[in-house]
């Protein structure tokens, strides 16, 4: 496998995601072993988001739309 040079990220959503991943990794380091299960699940989620960014963006848009249209204090259906 060839090593590639890191690319500059200019998309604001991607920049925010990268910052979140870095903060997440730092939190895992601080919390230690108890955080590992959650870290594994979130890492899998991160891989899916990286593999299918448009689907992830659409899911977030749908979630935000649903959240805005839901009455205050009411949990999501299901």
N, C-alpha and C. Protein backbone atom coordinates (compact mmCIF):
# COMPACT_ATOMS: atom_id res chain seq x y z
N UNK A 1 0.85 -1.17 0.00
CA UNK A 1 0.00 0.00 0.00
C UNK A 1 0.89 1.23 0.00
N UNK A 2 0.58 2.16 -0.90
CA UNK A 2 1.38 3.37 -1.02
C UNK A 2 0.98 4.38 0.05
N UNK A 3 1.96 5.09 0.54
CA UNK A 3 1.71 6.15 1.51
C UNK A 3 1.40 7.42 0.73
N UNK A 4 0.31 8.07 1.09
CA UNK A 4 -0.05 9.29 0.38
C UNK A 4 0.19 10.50 1.28
N UNK A 5 0.41 11.62 0.64
CA UNK A 5 0.59 12.86 1.38
C UNK A 5 -0.76 13.31 1.93
N UNK A 6 -0.80 13.86 3.13
CA UNK A 6 -2.08 14.36 3.65
C UNK A 6 -2.56 15.53 2.81
N UNK A 7 -3.88 15.56 2.56
CA UNK A 7 -4.45 16.65 1.79
C UNK A 7 -4.99 17.71 2.74
N UNK A 8 -4.95 18.94 2.27
CA UNK A 8 -5.53 20.03 3.05
C UNK A 8 -7.05 19.91 2.97
N UNK A 9 -7.69 19.99 4.12
CA UNK A 9 -9.14 19.90 4.17
C UNK A 9 -9.70 21.32 4.19
N UNK A 10 -10.54 21.63 3.20
CA UNK A 10 -11.09 22.97 3.11
C UNK A 10 -12.58 23.02 3.39
N UNK A 11 -13.27 21.90 3.30
CA UNK A 11 -14.71 21.85 3.56
C UNK A 11 -14.97 22.07 5.05
N UNK A 12 -15.79 23.05 5.42
CA UNK A 12 -16.04 23.35 6.84
C UNK A 12 -16.61 22.17 7.62
N UNK A 13 -17.46 21.37 6.98
CA UNK A 13 -18.03 20.20 7.65
C UNK A 13 -16.92 19.18 7.92
N UNK A 14 -16.07 18.96 6.95
CA UNK A 14 -14.96 18.02 7.13
C UNK A 14 -13.99 18.53 8.19
N UNK A 15 -13.73 19.84 8.21
CA UNK A 15 -12.84 20.41 9.23
C UNK A 15 -13.42 20.20 10.62
N UNK A 16 -14.71 20.43 10.77
CA UNK A 16 -15.36 20.24 12.07
C UNK A 16 -15.32 18.77 12.47
N UNK A 17 -15.51 17.88 11.51
CA UNK A 17 -15.46 16.45 11.78
C UNK A 17 -14.08 16.04 12.24
N UNK A 18 -13.05 16.51 11.55
CA UNK A 18 -11.68 16.18 11.94
C UNK A 18 -11.37 16.71 13.34
N UNK A 19 -11.82 17.91 13.65
CA UNK A 19 -11.59 18.46 14.98
C UNK A 19 -12.30 17.60 16.03
N UNK A 20 -13.49 17.13 15.71
CA UNK A 20 -14.23 16.27 16.64
C UNK A 20 -13.51 14.94 16.86
N UNK A 21 -12.99 14.39 15.78
CA UNK A 21 -12.26 13.11 15.89
C UNK A 21 -11.01 13.30 16.75
N UNK A 22 -10.32 14.40 16.55
CA UNK A 22 -9.12 14.66 17.37
C UNK A 22 -9.48 14.82 18.85
N UNK A 23 -10.56 15.55 19.12
CA UNK A 23 -11.02 15.72 20.51
C UNK A 23 -11.46 14.39 21.09
N UNK A 24 -12.12 13.59 20.28
CA UNK A 24 -12.56 12.26 20.71
C UNK A 24 -11.36 11.39 21.07
N UNK A 25 -10.36 11.38 20.23
CA UNK A 25 -9.16 10.58 20.51
C UNK A 25 -8.47 11.05 21.79
N UNK A 26 -8.43 12.34 22.01
CA UNK A 26 -7.82 12.88 23.23
C UNK A 26 -8.62 12.45 24.46
N UNK A 27 -9.95 12.46 24.34
CA UNK A 27 -10.80 12.03 25.46
C UNK A 27 -10.58 10.56 25.78
N UNK A 28 -10.45 9.73 24.76
CA UNK A 28 -10.20 8.30 24.97
C UNK A 28 -8.89 8.12 25.73
N UNK A 29 -7.88 8.86 25.31
CA UNK A 29 -6.58 8.78 25.97
C UNK A 29 -6.69 9.15 27.45
N UNK A 30 -7.48 10.17 27.76
CA UNK A 30 -7.64 10.61 29.16
C UNK A 30 -8.45 9.59 29.97
N UNK A 31 -9.49 9.01 29.36
CA UNK A 31 -10.38 8.11 30.10
C UNK A 31 -9.81 6.70 30.27
N UNK A 32 -8.98 6.30 29.35
CA UNK A 32 -8.36 4.99 29.46
C UNK A 32 -9.28 3.85 29.04
N UNK A 33 -9.08 2.70 29.65
CA UNK A 33 -9.73 1.45 29.25
C UNK A 33 -11.25 1.49 29.25
N UNK A 34 -11.93 2.10 30.25
CA UNK A 34 -13.39 2.07 30.22
C UNK A 34 -14.00 2.69 28.96
N UNK A 35 -13.29 3.55 28.31
CA UNK A 35 -13.82 4.21 27.12
C UNK A 35 -13.62 3.39 25.85
N UNK A 36 -12.94 2.26 25.95
CA UNK A 36 -12.58 1.52 24.75
C UNK A 36 -13.77 0.99 23.97
N UNK A 37 -14.81 0.48 24.64
CA UNK A 37 -15.97 -0.06 23.92
C UNK A 37 -16.65 1.04 23.13
N UNK A 38 -16.91 2.15 23.79
CA UNK A 38 -17.52 3.29 23.07
C UNK A 38 -16.60 3.76 21.96
N UNK A 39 -15.31 3.76 22.22
CA UNK A 39 -14.34 4.20 21.21
C UNK A 39 -14.40 3.30 19.98
N UNK A 40 -14.52 2.00 20.19
CA UNK A 40 -14.60 1.07 19.06
C UNK A 40 -15.85 1.33 18.23
N UNK A 41 -16.98 1.54 18.90
CA UNK A 41 -18.23 1.80 18.19
C UNK A 41 -18.15 3.12 17.42
N UNK A 42 -17.61 4.13 18.05
CA UNK A 42 -17.51 5.42 17.38
C UNK A 42 -16.49 5.40 16.25
N UNK A 43 -15.45 4.59 16.40
CA UNK A 43 -14.47 4.45 15.33
C UNK A 43 -15.10 3.77 14.12
N UNK A 44 -15.95 2.77 14.38
CA UNK A 44 -16.67 2.13 13.27
C UNK A 44 -17.58 3.14 12.58
N UNK A 45 -18.26 3.96 13.38
CA UNK A 45 -19.11 5.00 12.81
C UNK A 45 -18.28 5.97 11.98
N UNK A 46 -17.12 6.35 12.49
CA UNK A 46 -16.23 7.26 11.76
C UNK A 46 -15.85 6.66 10.41
N UNK A 47 -15.55 5.38 10.40
CA UNK A 47 -15.18 4.73 9.13
C UNK A 47 -16.34 4.76 8.13
N UNK A 48 -17.56 4.53 8.63
CA UNK A 48 -18.71 4.58 7.74
C UNK A 48 -18.93 5.99 7.19
N UNK A 49 -18.77 6.99 8.05
CA UNK A 49 -18.95 8.37 7.61
C UNK A 49 -17.90 8.73 6.57
N UNK A 50 -16.68 8.28 6.76
CA UNK A 50 -15.62 8.56 5.79
C UNK A 50 -15.88 7.84 4.46
N UNK A 51 -16.43 6.62 4.55
CA UNK A 51 -16.67 5.84 3.34
C UNK A 51 -17.89 6.36 2.57
N UNK A 52 -18.90 6.83 3.32
CA UNK A 52 -20.14 7.30 2.69
C UNK A 52 -20.48 8.71 3.17
N UNK A 53 -19.67 9.70 2.82
CA UNK A 53 -19.88 11.05 3.36
C UNK A 53 -21.21 11.68 2.94
N UNK A 54 -21.64 11.46 1.71
CA UNK A 54 -22.90 12.06 1.27
C UNK A 54 -24.09 11.46 2.03
N UNK A 55 -24.05 10.15 2.26
CA UNK A 55 -25.12 9.50 3.01
C UNK A 55 -25.13 10.00 4.46
N UNK A 56 -23.95 10.20 5.03
CA UNK A 56 -23.86 10.71 6.40
C UNK A 56 -24.41 12.13 6.47
N UNK A 57 -24.05 12.96 5.50
CA UNK A 57 -24.54 14.34 5.47
C UNK A 57 -26.06 14.37 5.35
N UNK A 58 -26.62 13.51 4.49
CA UNK A 58 -28.07 13.45 4.32
C UNK A 58 -28.74 12.97 5.61
N UNK A 59 -28.14 12.00 6.28
CA UNK A 59 -28.70 11.51 7.55
C UNK A 59 -28.73 12.62 8.59
N UNK A 60 -27.67 13.41 8.66
CA UNK A 60 -27.64 14.53 9.60
C UNK A 60 -28.69 15.58 9.26
N UNK A 61 -28.87 15.84 7.98
CA UNK A 61 -29.89 16.80 7.57
C UNK A 61 -31.28 16.32 7.96
N UNK A 62 -31.55 15.04 7.72
CA UNK A 62 -32.85 14.47 8.09
C UNK A 62 -33.06 14.51 9.60
N UNK A 63 -32.00 14.20 10.35
CA UNK A 63 -32.08 14.23 11.80
C UNK A 63 -32.39 15.64 12.30
N UNK A 64 -31.69 16.63 11.76
CA UNK A 64 -31.92 18.02 12.16
C UNK A 64 -33.34 18.47 11.81
N UNK A 65 -33.82 18.07 10.64
CA UNK A 65 -35.17 18.42 10.24
C UNK A 65 -36.19 17.79 11.19
N UNK A 66 -35.99 16.53 11.52
CA UNK A 66 -36.90 15.84 12.45
C UNK A 66 -36.85 16.49 13.83
N UNK A 67 -35.66 16.84 14.27
CA UNK A 67 -35.49 17.46 15.58
C UNK A 67 -36.22 18.81 15.64
N UNK A 68 -36.12 19.60 14.58
CA UNK A 68 -36.79 20.90 14.54
C UNK A 68 -38.31 20.76 14.48
N UNK A 69 -38.80 19.71 13.83
CA UNK A 69 -40.24 19.56 13.66
C UNK A 69 -40.91 18.86 14.84
N UNK A 70 -40.14 18.34 15.78
CA UNK A 70 -40.65 17.64 16.95
C UNK A 70 -41.01 18.66 18.04
N UNK A 71 -42.15 18.49 18.70
CA UNK A 71 -42.50 19.39 19.83
C UNK A 71 -41.44 19.29 20.93
N UNK A 72 -41.22 20.41 21.61
CA UNK A 72 -40.21 20.47 22.67
C UNK A 72 -40.47 19.41 23.74
N UNK A 73 -39.40 18.78 24.17
CA UNK A 73 -39.48 17.81 25.26
C UNK A 73 -40.02 16.46 24.87
N UNK A 74 -40.40 16.30 23.61
CA UNK A 74 -40.96 15.04 23.18
C UNK A 74 -39.85 14.17 22.58
N UNK A 75 -39.74 12.91 23.04
CA UNK A 75 -38.68 12.05 22.50
C UNK A 75 -38.99 11.63 21.06
N UNK A 76 -37.96 11.24 20.32
CA UNK A 76 -38.19 10.79 18.96
C UNK A 76 -39.01 9.50 18.94
N UNK A 77 -39.77 9.24 17.89
CA UNK A 77 -40.54 8.01 17.83
C UNK A 77 -39.63 6.81 17.74
N UNK A 78 -40.11 5.69 18.27
CA UNK A 78 -39.37 4.44 18.14
C UNK A 78 -38.52 4.20 19.26
